[in-house]
Full PDB file with SEQRES, HELIX, SHEET, SSBOND, CRYST1, ORIGX, SCALE, CONECT and MASTER records, all heavy atoms in Angstrom:
SEQRES   1 A   35  GLY ILE THR SER LYS THR PRO TRP SER GLU LYS ALA GLY          
SEQRES   2 A   35  VAL THR ARG PRO TYR THR THR ALA ILE ASP ALA LYS GLY          
SEQRES   3 A   35  LYS GLU ARG LYS ILE VAL LEU LEU VAL                          
HELIX    1 AA1 PRO A    7  GLU A   10  5                                   4    
SHEET    1 AA1 2 THR A  19  ILE A  22  0                                        
SHEET    2 AA1 2 GLU A  28  ILE A  31 -1                                        
CRYST1    1.000    1.000    1.000  90.00  90.00  90.00 P 1           1          
ORIGX1      1.000000  0.000000  0.000000        0.00000                         
ORIGX2      0.000000  1.000000  0.000000        0.00000                         
ORIGX3      0.000000  0.000000  1.000000        0.00000                         
SCALE1      1.000000  0.000000  0.000000        0.00000                         
SCALE2      0.000000  1.000000  0.000000        0.00000                         
SCALE3      0.000000  0.000000  1.000000        0.00000                         
ATOM      1  N   GLY A   1      -2.573  -7.011   0.592  1.00  0.00           N  
ATOM      2  CA  GLY A   1      -1.413  -6.542  -0.161  1.00  0.00           C  
ATOM      3  C   GLY A   1      -1.640  -5.170  -0.763  1.00  0.00           C  
ATOM      4  O   GLY A   1      -1.126  -4.860  -1.833  1.00  0.00           O  
ATOM      5  N   ILE A   2      -2.380  -4.335  -0.092  1.00  0.00           N  
ATOM      6  CA  ILE A   2      -2.747  -3.004  -0.586  1.00  0.00           C  
ATOM      7  C   ILE A   2      -1.543  -2.070  -0.463  1.00  0.00           C  
ATOM      8  O   ILE A   2      -0.912  -1.988   0.591  1.00  0.00           O  
ATOM      9  CB  ILE A   2      -3.957  -2.456   0.189  1.00  0.00           C  
ATOM     10  CG1 ILE A   2      -5.148  -3.408  -0.005  1.00  0.00           C  
ATOM     11  CG2 ILE A   2      -4.297  -1.041  -0.255  1.00  0.00           C  
ATOM     12  CD1 ILE A   2      -6.296  -3.169   0.941  1.00  0.00           C  
ATOM     13  N   THR A   3      -1.243  -1.371  -1.538  1.00  0.00           N  
ATOM     14  CA  THR A   3      -0.084  -0.482  -1.527  1.00  0.00           C  
ATOM     15  C   THR A   3      -0.469   0.930  -1.081  1.00  0.00           C  
ATOM     16  O   THR A   3      -1.637   1.308  -1.112  1.00  0.00           O  
ATOM     17  CB  THR A   3       0.585  -0.394  -2.917  1.00  0.00           C  
ATOM     18  OG1 THR A   3      -0.269   0.312  -3.800  1.00  0.00           O  
ATOM     19  CG2 THR A   3       0.912  -1.772  -3.459  1.00  0.00           C  
ATOM     20  N   SER A   4       0.540   1.688  -0.720  1.00  0.00           N  
ATOM     21  CA  SER A   4       0.319   3.071  -0.273  1.00  0.00           C  
ATOM     22  C   SER A   4      -0.215   3.957  -1.393  1.00  0.00           C  
ATOM     23  O   SER A   4      -0.736   5.038  -1.136  1.00  0.00           O  
ATOM     24  CB  SER A   4       1.612   3.659   0.288  1.00  0.00           C  
ATOM     25  OG  SER A   4       2.628   3.645  -0.698  1.00  0.00           O  
ATOM     26  N   LYS A   5      -0.110   3.498  -2.618  1.00  0.00           N  
ATOM     27  CA  LYS A   5      -0.646   4.266  -3.750  1.00  0.00           C  
ATOM     28  C   LYS A   5      -2.059   3.793  -4.109  1.00  0.00           C  
ATOM     29  O   LYS A   5      -2.499   3.959  -5.244  1.00  0.00           O  
ATOM     30  CB  LYS A   5       0.281   4.130  -4.945  1.00  0.00           C  
ATOM     31  CG  LYS A   5       1.651   4.737  -4.682  1.00  0.00           C  
ATOM     32  CD  LYS A   5       2.511   4.725  -5.919  1.00  0.00           C  
ATOM     33  CE  LYS A   5       3.898   5.181  -5.606  1.00  0.00           C  
ATOM     34  NZ  LYS A   5       4.130   6.573  -5.648  1.00  0.00           N  
ATOM     35  N   THR A   6      -2.760   3.248  -3.142  1.00  0.00           N  
ATOM     36  CA  THR A   6      -4.090   2.699  -3.359  1.00  0.00           C  
ATOM     37  C   THR A   6      -5.076   3.744  -3.901  1.00  0.00           C  
ATOM     38  O   THR A   6      -5.087   4.883  -3.442  1.00  0.00           O  
ATOM     39  CB  THR A   6      -4.658   2.087  -2.063  1.00  0.00           C  
ATOM     40  OG1 THR A   6      -5.968   1.584  -2.336  1.00  0.00           O  
ATOM     41  CG2 THR A   6      -4.739   3.100  -0.938  1.00  0.00           C  
ATOM     42  N   PRO A   7      -5.914   3.344  -4.848  1.00  0.00           N  
ATOM     43  CA  PRO A   7      -6.948   4.253  -5.332  1.00  0.00           C  
ATOM     44  C   PRO A   7      -8.077   4.421  -4.315  1.00  0.00           C  
ATOM     45  O   PRO A   7      -8.937   5.284  -4.493  1.00  0.00           O  
ATOM     46  CB  PRO A   7      -7.458   3.567  -6.603  1.00  0.00           C  
ATOM     47  CG  PRO A   7      -7.151   2.121  -6.403  1.00  0.00           C  
ATOM     48  CD  PRO A   7      -5.890   2.083  -5.588  1.00  0.00           C  
ATOM     49  N   TRP A   8      -8.075   3.629  -3.250  1.00  0.00           N  
ATOM     50  CA  TRP A   8      -9.150   3.677  -2.252  1.00  0.00           C  
ATOM     51  C   TRP A   8      -8.918   4.736  -1.183  1.00  0.00           C  
ATOM     52  O   TRP A   8      -9.751   4.901  -0.296  1.00  0.00           O  
ATOM     53  CB  TRP A   8      -9.312   2.303  -1.603  1.00  0.00           C  
ATOM     54  CG  TRP A   8      -9.512   1.206  -2.587  1.00  0.00           C  
ATOM     55  CD1 TRP A   8      -8.693   0.135  -2.806  1.00  0.00           C  
ATOM     56  CD2 TRP A   8     -10.591   1.074  -3.520  1.00  0.00           C  
ATOM     57  NE1 TRP A   8      -9.197  -0.655  -3.807  1.00  0.00           N  
ATOM     58  CE2 TRP A   8     -10.370  -0.098  -4.268  1.00  0.00           C  
ATOM     59  CE3 TRP A   8     -11.725   1.838  -3.806  1.00  0.00           C  
ATOM     60  CZ2 TRP A   8     -11.225  -0.537  -5.264  1.00  0.00           C  
ATOM     61  CZ3 TRP A   8     -12.580   1.406  -4.810  1.00  0.00           C  
ATOM     62  CH2 TRP A   8     -12.328   0.238  -5.520  1.00  0.00           C  
ATOM     63  N   SER A   9      -7.845   5.483  -1.232  1.00  0.00           N  
ATOM     64  CA  SER A   9      -7.521   6.435  -0.163  1.00  0.00           C  
ATOM     65  C   SER A   9      -8.552   7.550  -0.016  1.00  0.00           C  
ATOM     66  O   SER A   9      -8.615   8.180   1.032  1.00  0.00           O  
ATOM     67  CB  SER A   9      -6.127   7.025  -0.366  1.00  0.00           C  
ATOM     68  OG  SER A   9      -6.064   7.730  -1.584  1.00  0.00           O  
ATOM     69  N   GLU A  10      -9.375   7.771  -1.027  1.00  0.00           N  
ATOM     70  CA  GLU A  10     -10.422   8.799  -0.901  1.00  0.00           C  
ATOM     71  C   GLU A  10     -11.686   8.235  -0.270  1.00  0.00           C  
ATOM     72  O   GLU A  10     -12.579   8.980   0.100  1.00  0.00           O  
ATOM     73  CB  GLU A  10     -10.721   9.404  -2.269  1.00  0.00           C  
ATOM     74  CG  GLU A  10      -9.485  10.060  -2.848  1.00  0.00           C  
ATOM     75  CD  GLU A  10      -9.787  11.248  -3.719  1.00  0.00           C  
ATOM     76  OE1 GLU A  10     -10.955  11.639  -3.839  1.00  0.00           O  
ATOM     77  OE2 GLU A  10      -8.817  11.787  -4.273  1.00  0.00           O  
ATOM     78  N   LYS A  11     -11.758   6.918  -0.138  1.00  0.00           N  
ATOM     79  CA  LYS A  11     -12.953   6.272   0.407  1.00  0.00           C  
ATOM     80  C   LYS A  11     -12.699   5.569   1.730  1.00  0.00           C  
ATOM     81  O   LYS A  11     -13.620   5.064   2.348  1.00  0.00           O  
ATOM     82  CB  LYS A  11     -13.497   5.262  -0.603  1.00  0.00           C  
ATOM     83  CG  LYS A  11     -13.942   5.909  -1.896  1.00  0.00           C  
ATOM     84  CD  LYS A  11     -14.591   4.899  -2.812  1.00  0.00           C  
ATOM     85  CE  LYS A  11     -15.078   5.539  -4.068  1.00  0.00           C  
ATOM     86  NZ  LYS A  11     -16.345   6.194  -3.957  1.00  0.00           N  
ATOM     87  N   ALA A  12     -11.434   5.512   2.151  1.00  0.00           N  
ATOM     88  CA  ALA A  12     -11.078   4.780   3.369  1.00  0.00           C  
ATOM     89  C   ALA A  12      -9.911   5.459   4.061  1.00  0.00           C  
ATOM     90  O   ALA A  12      -9.153   6.197   3.434  1.00  0.00           O  
ATOM     91  CB  ALA A  12     -10.697   3.342   3.016  1.00  0.00           C  
ATOM     92  N   GLY A  13      -9.768   5.174   5.345  1.00  0.00           N  
ATOM     93  CA  GLY A  13      -8.579   5.586   6.065  1.00  0.00           C  
ATOM     94  C   GLY A  13      -7.456   4.627   5.706  1.00  0.00           C  
ATOM     95  O   GLY A  13      -7.691   3.442   5.460  1.00  0.00           O  
ATOM     96  N   VAL A  14      -6.232   5.126   5.668  1.00  0.00           N  
ATOM     97  CA  VAL A  14      -5.083   4.326   5.255  1.00  0.00           C  
ATOM     98  C   VAL A  14      -4.011   4.418   6.337  1.00  0.00           C  
ATOM     99  O   VAL A  14      -3.647   5.517   6.759  1.00  0.00           O  
ATOM    100  CB  VAL A  14      -4.515   4.837   3.905  1.00  0.00           C  
ATOM    101  CG1 VAL A  14      -3.312   4.020   3.476  1.00  0.00           C  
ATOM    102  CG2 VAL A  14      -5.588   4.846   2.826  1.00  0.00           C  
ATOM    103  N   THR A  15      -3.512   3.253   6.771  1.00  0.00           N  
ATOM    104  CA  THR A  15      -2.423   3.269   7.742  1.00  0.00           C  
ATOM    105  C   THR A  15      -1.141   3.752   7.070  1.00  0.00           C  
ATOM    106  O   THR A  15      -1.035   3.763   5.854  1.00  0.00           O  
ATOM    107  CB  THR A  15      -2.144   1.867   8.323  1.00  0.00           C  
ATOM    108  OG1 THR A  15      -1.688   1.002   7.285  1.00  0.00           O  
ATOM    109  CG2 THR A  15      -3.367   1.288   9.013  1.00  0.00           C  
ATOM    110  N   ARG A  16      -0.181   4.114   7.901  1.00  0.00           N  
ATOM    111  CA  ARG A  16       1.162   4.338   7.384  1.00  0.00           C  
ATOM    112  C   ARG A  16       1.660   3.001   6.853  1.00  0.00           C  
ATOM    113  O   ARG A  16       1.227   1.946   7.321  1.00  0.00           O  
ATOM    114  CB  ARG A  16       2.096   4.810   8.503  1.00  0.00           C  
ATOM    115  CG  ARG A  16       1.798   6.188   9.025  1.00  0.00           C  
ATOM    116  CD  ARG A  16       2.867   6.634  10.020  1.00  0.00           C  
ATOM    117  NE  ARG A  16       2.985   5.770  11.176  1.00  0.00           N  
ATOM    118  CZ  ARG A  16       2.310   5.922  12.319  1.00  0.00           C  
ATOM    119  NH1 ARG A  16       1.445   6.908  12.443  1.00  0.00           N  
ATOM    120  NH2 ARG A  16       2.498   5.101  13.326  1.00  0.00           N  
ATOM    121  N   PRO A  17       2.569   3.006   5.903  1.00  0.00           N  
ATOM    122  CA  PRO A  17       3.133   1.726   5.447  1.00  0.00           C  
ATOM    123  C   PRO A  17       3.753   0.976   6.629  1.00  0.00           C  
ATOM    124  O   PRO A  17       4.443   1.569   7.452  1.00  0.00           O  
ATOM    125  CB  PRO A  17       4.206   2.142   4.444  1.00  0.00           C  
ATOM    126  CG  PRO A  17       3.770   3.486   3.958  1.00  0.00           C  
ATOM    127  CD  PRO A  17       3.121   4.140   5.149  1.00  0.00           C  
ATOM    128  N   TYR A  18       3.458  -0.312   6.712  1.00  0.00           N  
ATOM    129  CA  TYR A  18       3.996  -1.091   7.815  1.00  0.00           C  
ATOM    130  C   TYR A  18       5.046  -2.109   7.359  1.00  0.00           C  
ATOM    131  O   TYR A  18       5.755  -2.684   8.180  1.00  0.00           O  
ATOM    132  CB  TYR A  18       2.880  -1.794   8.601  1.00  0.00           C  
ATOM    133  CG  TYR A  18       2.263  -2.950   7.867  1.00  0.00           C  
ATOM    134  CD1 TYR A  18       2.756  -4.236   8.016  1.00  0.00           C  
ATOM    135  CD2 TYR A  18       1.183  -2.752   7.016  1.00  0.00           C  
ATOM    136  CE1 TYR A  18       2.203  -5.302   7.330  1.00  0.00           C  
ATOM    137  CE2 TYR A  18       0.622  -3.801   6.335  1.00  0.00           C  
ATOM    138  CZ  TYR A  18       1.128  -5.079   6.503  1.00  0.00           C  
ATOM    139  OH  TYR A  18       0.573  -6.124   5.818  1.00  0.00           O  
ATOM    140  N   THR A  19       5.140  -2.319   6.039  1.00  0.00           N  
ATOM    141  CA  THR A  19       6.167  -3.190   5.486  1.00  0.00           C  
ATOM    142  C   THR A  19       6.325  -2.857   4.007  1.00  0.00           C  
ATOM    143  O   THR A  19       5.587  -2.024   3.479  1.00  0.00           O  
ATOM    144  CB  THR A  19       5.820  -4.683   5.684  1.00  0.00           C  
ATOM    145  OG1 THR A  19       6.971  -5.473   5.400  1.00  0.00           O  
ATOM    146  CG2 THR A  19       4.650  -5.120   4.826  1.00  0.00           C  
ATOM    147  N   THR A  20       7.278  -3.487   3.379  1.00  0.00           N  
ATOM    148  CA  THR A  20       7.461  -3.301   1.949  1.00  0.00           C  
ATOM    149  C   THR A  20       7.505  -4.661   1.264  1.00  0.00           C  
ATOM    150  O   THR A  20       7.714  -5.689   1.922  1.00  0.00           O  
ATOM    151  CB  THR A  20       8.769  -2.550   1.632  1.00  0.00           C  
ATOM    152  OG1 THR A  20       9.865  -3.296   2.135  1.00  0.00           O  
ATOM    153  CG2 THR A  20       8.764  -1.150   2.214  1.00  0.00           C  
ATOM    154  N   ALA A  21       7.301  -4.642  -0.036  1.00  0.00           N  
ATOM    155  CA  ALA A  21       7.388  -5.854  -0.850  1.00  0.00           C  
ATOM    156  C   ALA A  21       7.947  -5.458  -2.205  1.00  0.00           C  
ATOM    157  O   ALA A  21       7.810  -4.306  -2.633  1.00  0.00           O  
ATOM    158  CB  ALA A  21       6.017  -6.488  -1.002  1.00  0.00           C  
ATOM    159  N   ILE A  22       8.548  -6.402  -2.872  1.00  0.00           N  
ATOM    160  CA  ILE A  22       9.083  -6.170  -4.213  1.00  0.00           C  
ATOM    161  C   ILE A  22       8.097  -6.778  -5.209  1.00  0.00           C  
ATOM    162  O   ILE A  22       7.757  -7.958  -5.108  1.00  0.00           O  
ATOM    163  CB  ILE A  22      10.477  -6.800  -4.384  1.00  0.00           C  
ATOM    164  CG1 ILE A  22      11.438  -6.305  -3.282  1.00  0.00           C  
ATOM    165  CG2 ILE A  22      11.028  -6.532  -5.783  1.00  0.00           C  
ATOM    166  CD1 ILE A  22      11.689  -4.810  -3.278  1.00  0.00           C  
ATOM    167  N   ASP A  23       7.628  -5.973  -6.173  1.00  0.00           N  
ATOM    168  CA  ASP A  23       6.675  -6.485  -7.163  1.00  0.00           C  
ATOM    169  C   ASP A  23       7.389  -7.251  -8.266  1.00  0.00           C  
ATOM    170  O   ASP A  23       8.618  -7.390  -8.267  1.00  0.00           O  
ATOM    171  CB  ASP A  23       5.784  -5.370  -7.713  1.00  0.00           C  
ATOM    172  CG  ASP A  23       6.516  -4.349  -8.560  1.00  0.00           C  
ATOM    173  OD1 ASP A  23       7.668  -4.602  -8.978  1.00  0.00           O  
ATOM    174  OD2 ASP A  23       5.924  -3.285  -8.824  1.00  0.00           O  
ATOM    175  N   ALA A  24       6.612  -7.762  -9.222  1.00  0.00           N  
ATOM    176  CA  ALA A  24       7.155  -8.583 -10.311  1.00  0.00           C  
ATOM    177  C   ALA A  24       8.179  -7.833 -11.160  1.00  0.00           C  
ATOM    178  O   ALA A  24       9.032  -8.446 -11.801  1.00  0.00           O  
ATOM    179  CB  ALA A  24       6.013  -9.085 -11.190  1.00  0.00           C  
ATOM    180  N   LYS A  25       8.111  -6.515 -11.178  1.00  0.00           N  
ATOM    181  CA  LYS A  25       9.043  -5.706 -11.959  1.00  0.00           C  
ATOM    182  C   LYS A  25      10.278  -5.296 -11.151  1.00  0.00           C  
ATOM    183  O   LYS A  25      11.091  -4.511 -11.616  1.00  0.00           O  
ATOM    184  CB  LYS A  25       8.334  -4.450 -12.474  1.00  0.00           C  
ATOM    185  CG  LYS A  25       7.196  -4.761 -13.437  1.00  0.00           C  
ATOM    186  CD  LYS A  25       6.507  -3.499 -13.871  1.00  0.00           C  
ATOM    187  CE  LYS A  25       5.337  -3.833 -14.787  1.00  0.00           C  
ATOM    188  NZ  LYS A  25       4.590  -2.651 -15.189  1.00  0.00           N  
ATOM    189  N   GLY A  26      10.368  -5.817  -9.911  1.00  0.00           N  
ATOM    190  CA  GLY A  26      11.507  -5.483  -9.073  1.00  0.00           C  
ATOM    191  C   GLY A  26      11.376  -4.156  -8.356  1.00  0.00           C  
ATOM    192  O   GLY A  26      12.334  -3.673  -7.767  1.00  0.00           O  
ATOM    193  N   LYS A  27      10.211  -3.585  -8.386  1.00  0.00           N  
ATOM    194  CA  LYS A  27       9.978  -2.283  -7.763  1.00  0.00           C  
ATOM    195  C   LYS A  27       9.444  -2.466  -6.337  1.00  0.00           C  
ATOM    196  O   LYS A  27       8.575  -3.292  -6.094  1.00  0.00           O  
ATOM    197  CB  LYS A  27       8.970  -1.511  -8.614  1.00  0.00           C  
ATOM    198  CG  LYS A  27       8.955  -0.049  -8.372  1.00  0.00           C  
ATOM    199  CD  LYS A  27       8.110   0.645  -9.431  1.00  0.00           C  
ATOM    200  CE  LYS A  27       8.299   2.120  -9.328  1.00  0.00           C  
ATOM    201  NZ  LYS A  27       7.467   2.867 -10.233  1.00  0.00           N  
ATOM    202  N   GLU A  28       9.991  -1.680  -5.420  1.00  0.00           N  
ATOM    203  CA  GLU A  28       9.542  -1.747  -4.039  1.00  0.00           C  
ATOM    204  C   GLU A  28       8.174  -1.073  -3.890  1.00  0.00           C  
ATOM    205  O   GLU A  28       7.939   0.001  -4.431  1.00  0.00           O  
ATOM    206  CB  GLU A  28      10.547  -1.043  -3.120  1.00  0.00           C  
ATOM    207  CG  GLU A  28      10.180  -1.135  -1.663  1.00  0.00           C  
ATOM    208  CD  GLU A  28      11.197  -0.460  -0.770  1.00  0.00           C  
ATOM    209  OE1 GLU A  28      11.156   0.779  -0.661  1.00  0.00           O  
ATOM    210  OE2 GLU A  28      12.037  -1.176  -0.213  1.00  0.00           O  
ATOM    211  N   ARG A  29       7.291  -1.720  -3.153  1.00  0.00           N  
ATOM    212  CA  ARG A  29       5.994  -1.110  -2.864  1.00  0.00           C  
ATOM    213  C   ARG A  29       5.747  -1.158  -1.355  1.00  0.00           C  
ATOM    214  O   ARG A  29       6.140  -2.109  -0.691  1.00  0.00           O  
ATOM    215  CB  ARG A  29       4.855  -1.765  -3.631  1.00  0.00           C  
ATOM    216  CG  ARG A  29       5.013  -3.170  -3.915  1.00  0.00           C  
ATOM    217  CD  ARG A  29       3.902  -3.775  -4.750  1.00  0.00           C  
ATOM    218  NE  ARG A  29       3.831  -5.166  -4.316  1.00  0.00           N  
ATOM    219  CZ  ARG A  29       2.749  -5.862  -4.176  1.00  0.00           C  
ATOM    220  NH1 ARG A  29       1.593  -5.350  -4.484  1.00  0.00           N  
ATOM    221  NH2 ARG A  29       2.792  -7.093  -3.745  1.00  0.00           N  
ATOM    222  N   LYS A  30       5.153  -0.098  -0.869  1.00  0.00           N  
ATOM    223  CA  LYS A  30       4.867   0.030   0.556  1.00  0.00           C  
ATOM    224  C   LYS A  30       3.453  -0.488   0.808  1.00  0.00           C  
ATOM    225  O   LYS A  30       2.518  -0.102   0.108  1.00  0.00           O  
ATOM    226  CB  LYS A  30       5.008   1.478   0.995  1.00  0.00           C  
ATOM    227  CG  LYS A  30       6.432   1.970   0.843  1.00  0.00           C  
ATOM    228  CD  LYS A  30       6.567   3.426   1.199  1.00  0.00           C  
ATOM    229  CE  LYS A  30       8.019   3.850   1.005  1.00  0.00           C  
ATOM    230  NZ  LYS A  30       8.229   5.239   1.340  1.00  0.00           N  
ATOM    231  N   ILE A  31       3.306  -1.332   1.826  1.00  0.00           N  
ATOM    232  CA  ILE A  31       2.047  -2.004   2.102  1.00  0.00           C  
ATOM    233  C   ILE A  31       1.330  -1.327   3.272  1.00  0.00           C  
ATOM    234  O   ILE A  31       1.933  -0.995   4.298  1.00  0.00           O  
ATOM    235  CB  ILE A  31       2.288  -3.498   2.405  1.00  0.00           C  
ATOM    236  CG1 ILE A  31       3.079  -4.145   1.276  1.00  0.00           C  
ATOM    237  CG2 ILE A  31       0.967  -4.221   2.648  1.00  0.00           C  
ATOM    238  CD1 ILE A  31       2.443  -4.081  -0.097  1.00  0.00           C  
ATOM    239  N   VAL A  32      -0.005  -1.161   3.108  1.00  0.00           N  
ATOM    240  CA  VAL A  32      -0.845  -0.498   4.101  1.00  0.00           C  
ATOM    241  C   VAL A  32      -2.088  -1.344   4.378  1.00  0.00           C  
ATOM    242  O   VAL A  32      -2.363  -2.310   3.670  1.00  0.00           O  
ATOM    243  CB  VAL A  32      -1.286   0.908   3.613  1.00  0.00           C  
ATOM    244  CG1 VAL A  32      -0.087   1.802   3.378  1.00  0.00           C  
ATOM    245  CG2 VAL A  32      -2.145   0.816   2.362  1.00  0.00           C  
ATOM    246  N   LEU A  33      -2.839  -0.949   5.380  1.00  0.00           N  
ATOM    247  CA  LEU A  33      -4.146  -1.523   5.680  1.00  0.00           C  
ATOM    248  C   LEU A  33      -5.175  -0.412   5.568  1.00  0.00           C  
ATOM    249  O   LEU A  33      -4.842   0.767   5.737  1.00  0.00           O  
ATOM    250  CB  LEU A  33      -4.161  -2.116   7.095  1.00  0.00           C  
ATOM    251  CG  LEU A  33      -3.144  -3.220   7.375  1.00  0.00           C  
ATOM    252  CD1 LEU A  33      -3.122  -3.561   8.861  1.00  0.00           C  
ATOM    253  CD2 LEU A  33      -3.444  -4.446   6.540  1.00  0.00           C  
ATOM    254  N   LEU A  34      -6.427  -0.775   5.312  1.00  0.00           N  
ATOM    255  CA  LEU A  34      -7.503   0.207   5.208  1.00  0.00           C  
ATOM    256  C   LEU A  34      -8.427   0.096   6.415  1.00  0.00           C  
ATOM    257  O   LEU A  34      -8.681  -1.004   6.916  1.00  0.00           O  
ATOM    258  CB  LEU A  34      -8.312  -0.017   3.929  1.00  0.00           C  
ATOM    259  CG  LEU A  34      -7.542   0.008   2.611  1.00  0.00           C  
ATOM    260  CD1 LEU A  34      -8.489  -0.258   1.440  1.00  0.00           C  
ATOM    261  CD2 LEU A  34      -6.820   1.330   2.430  1.00  0.00           C  
ATOM    262  N   VAL A  35      -8.937   1.243   6.852  1.00  0.00           N  
ATOM    263  CA  VAL A  35      -9.884   1.319   7.974  1.00  0.00           C  
ATOM    264  C   VAL A  35     -11.041   2.222   7.564  1.00  0.00           C  
ATOM    265  O   VAL A  35     -10.958   2.933   6.563  1.00  0.00           O  
ATOM    266  CB  VAL A  35      -9.193   1.851   9.254  1.00  0.00           C  
ATOM    267  CG1 VAL A  35      -8.054   0.934   9.678  1.00  0.00           C  
ATOM    268  CG2 VAL A  35      -8.708   3.268   9.081  1.00  0.00           C  
TER     269      VAL A  35                                                      
MASTER        0    0    0    1    2    0    0    6  268    1    0    3          
END                                                                             
């Protein structure tokens, strides 16, 4: 459930967002995978 605003982007490769999810506050977040 890693978001596109991940703090790990300086330590890992990040895919483009492949889906979205709505968080508890009703805010949309873009989901990515790390490589």
